[in-house]
């Protein structure tokens, strides 16, 4: 999935807004996803080399917000089911395995 500059900025804002809404720290998210704070920050800024990582973080953030009864900020580009996208590894995403 290729994003133009405006879509990229919007997706970064959406990821960061949903992260902020969770009230969780980078350390808590990193622990839950079995990675480092630096890797989570990289994904939040869409600087990751792994195309699945933003989708993994998206799913995690939505789950945490729903557990708290908080409505997530809608995503404009990371939408739908990862299984509908041939280029994503849906199993990896559903298992929440962030790649470093």
Protein backbone atom coordinates (compact mmCIF):
# COMPACT_ATOMS: atom_id res chain seq x y z
CA UNK A 1 0.00 0.00 0.00
CA UNK A 2 1.52 3.23 -1.11
CA UNK A 3 0.49 6.48 0.51
CA UNK A 4 0.86 9.93 -0.98
CA UNK A 5 2.28 12.66 1.31
CA UNK A 6 -1.16 13.84 2.48
CA UNK A 7 -2.34 10.29 3.20
CA UNK A 8 0.89 9.59 5.05
CA UNK A 9 0.46 12.66 7.27
CA UNK A 10 -3.17 11.77 7.95
CA UNK A 11 -2.27 8.19 8.87
CA UNK A 12 0.48 9.37 11.22
CA UNK A 13 -1.99 11.75 12.90
CA UNK A 14 -4.58 8.98 13.20
CA UNK A 15 -2.13 6.49 14.73
CA UNK A 16 -0.79 9.09 17.16
CA UNK A 17 -4.27 10.33 18.11
CA UNK A 18 -5.47 6.81 18.87
CA UNK A 19 -2.29 6.07 20.82
CA UNK A 20 -2.88 9.20 22.92
CA UNK A 21 -6.51 8.22 23.55
CA UNK A 22 -5.45 4.87 25.04
CA UNK A 23 -3.59 6.59 27.87
CA UNK A 24 -0.89 3.92 27.57
CA UNK A 25 2.83 4.61 27.58
CA UNK A 26 5.20 3.59 24.81
CA UNK A 27 6.67 1.08 27.26
CA UNK A 28 3.28 -0.54 27.91
CA UNK A 29 2.48 -0.84 24.21
CA UNK A 30 5.96 -2.18 23.46
CA UNK A 31 5.66 -4.81 26.18
CA UNK A 32 2.22 -5.90 24.98
CA UNK A 33 3.46 -6.21 21.39
CA UNK A 34 6.77 -7.84 22.32
CA UNK A 35 9.01 -5.12 20.97
CA UNK A 36 10.82 -1.95 22.01
CA UNK A 37 9.62 1.59 22.64
CA UNK A 38 11.79 2.73 19.73
CA UNK A 39 10.07 0.33 17.37
CA UNK A 40 6.63 1.54 18.48
CA UNK A 41 7.70 5.15 17.95
CA UNK A 42 9.00 4.22 14.50
CA UNK A 43 5.64 2.67 13.62
CA UNK A 44 3.73 5.68 15.00
CA UNK A 45 5.77 7.86 12.64
CA UNK A 46 5.35 5.43 9.70
CA UNK A 47 9.11 5.03 9.47
CA UNK A 48 8.98 1.23 9.67
CA UNK A 49 10.26 -0.99 6.87
CA UNK A 50 7.59 -3.60 7.57
CA UNK A 51 4.23 -2.95 5.91
CA UNK A 52 2.35 -5.07 8.47
CA UNK A 53 3.50 -3.07 11.50
CA UNK A 54 1.10 -0.10 11.14
CA UNK A 55 -1.78 -2.56 10.75
CA UNK A 56 -0.67 -4.46 13.86
CA UNK A 57 -0.48 -1.25 15.87
CA UNK A 58 -3.84 -0.11 14.47
CA UNK A 59 -5.53 -3.35 15.57
CA UNK A 60 -3.93 -3.14 19.00
CA UNK A 61 -4.95 0.49 19.55
CA UNK A 62 -8.53 -0.15 18.43
CA UNK A 63 -8.77 -3.15 20.76
CA UNK A 64 -7.45 -1.17 23.74
CA UNK A 65 -9.79 1.75 23.05
CA UNK A 66 -12.81 -0.53 22.69
CA UNK A 67 -11.92 -2.22 26.00
CA UNK A 68 -12.12 1.24 27.62
CA UNK A 69 -15.36 2.15 25.85
CA UNK A 70 -13.60 4.88 23.86
CA UNK A 71 -14.47 5.54 20.23
CA UNK A 72 -11.28 5.35 18.12
CA UNK A 73 -10.35 8.14 15.75
CA UNK A 74 -11.32 6.71 12.33
CA UNK A 75 -8.54 5.65 10.01
CA UNK A 76 -8.72 7.05 6.50
CA UNK A 77 -6.31 4.62 4.79
CA UNK A 78 -5.79 1.70 7.18
CA UNK A 79 -9.33 0.46 6.66
CA UNK A 80 -11.04 -2.88 6.33
CA UNK A 81 -9.83 -6.36 7.06
CA UNK A 82 -6.14 -7.09 6.48
CA UNK A 83 -7.18 -10.38 4.88
CA UNK A 84 -8.65 -8.36 2.01
CA UNK A 85 -5.20 -7.04 1.06
CA UNK A 86 -3.00 -9.54 -0.77
CA UNK A 87 0.20 -7.75 0.26
CA UNK A 88 -0.44 -8.04 4.02
CA UNK A 89 0.27 -11.03 6.25
CA UNK A 90 -3.11 -11.33 7.99
CA UNK A 91 -1.88 -14.05 10.36
CA UNK A 92 1.01 -11.89 11.53
CA UNK A 93 -1.34 -8.95 12.02
CA UNK A 94 -3.97 -10.96 13.91
CA UNK A 95 -1.24 -12.43 16.13
CA UNK A 96 0.08 -8.95 16.95
CA UNK A 97 3.68 -9.72 16.06
CA UNK A 98 5.51 -6.44 15.45
CA UNK A 99 8.61 -6.88 13.31
CA UNK A 100 11.69 -4.96 14.44
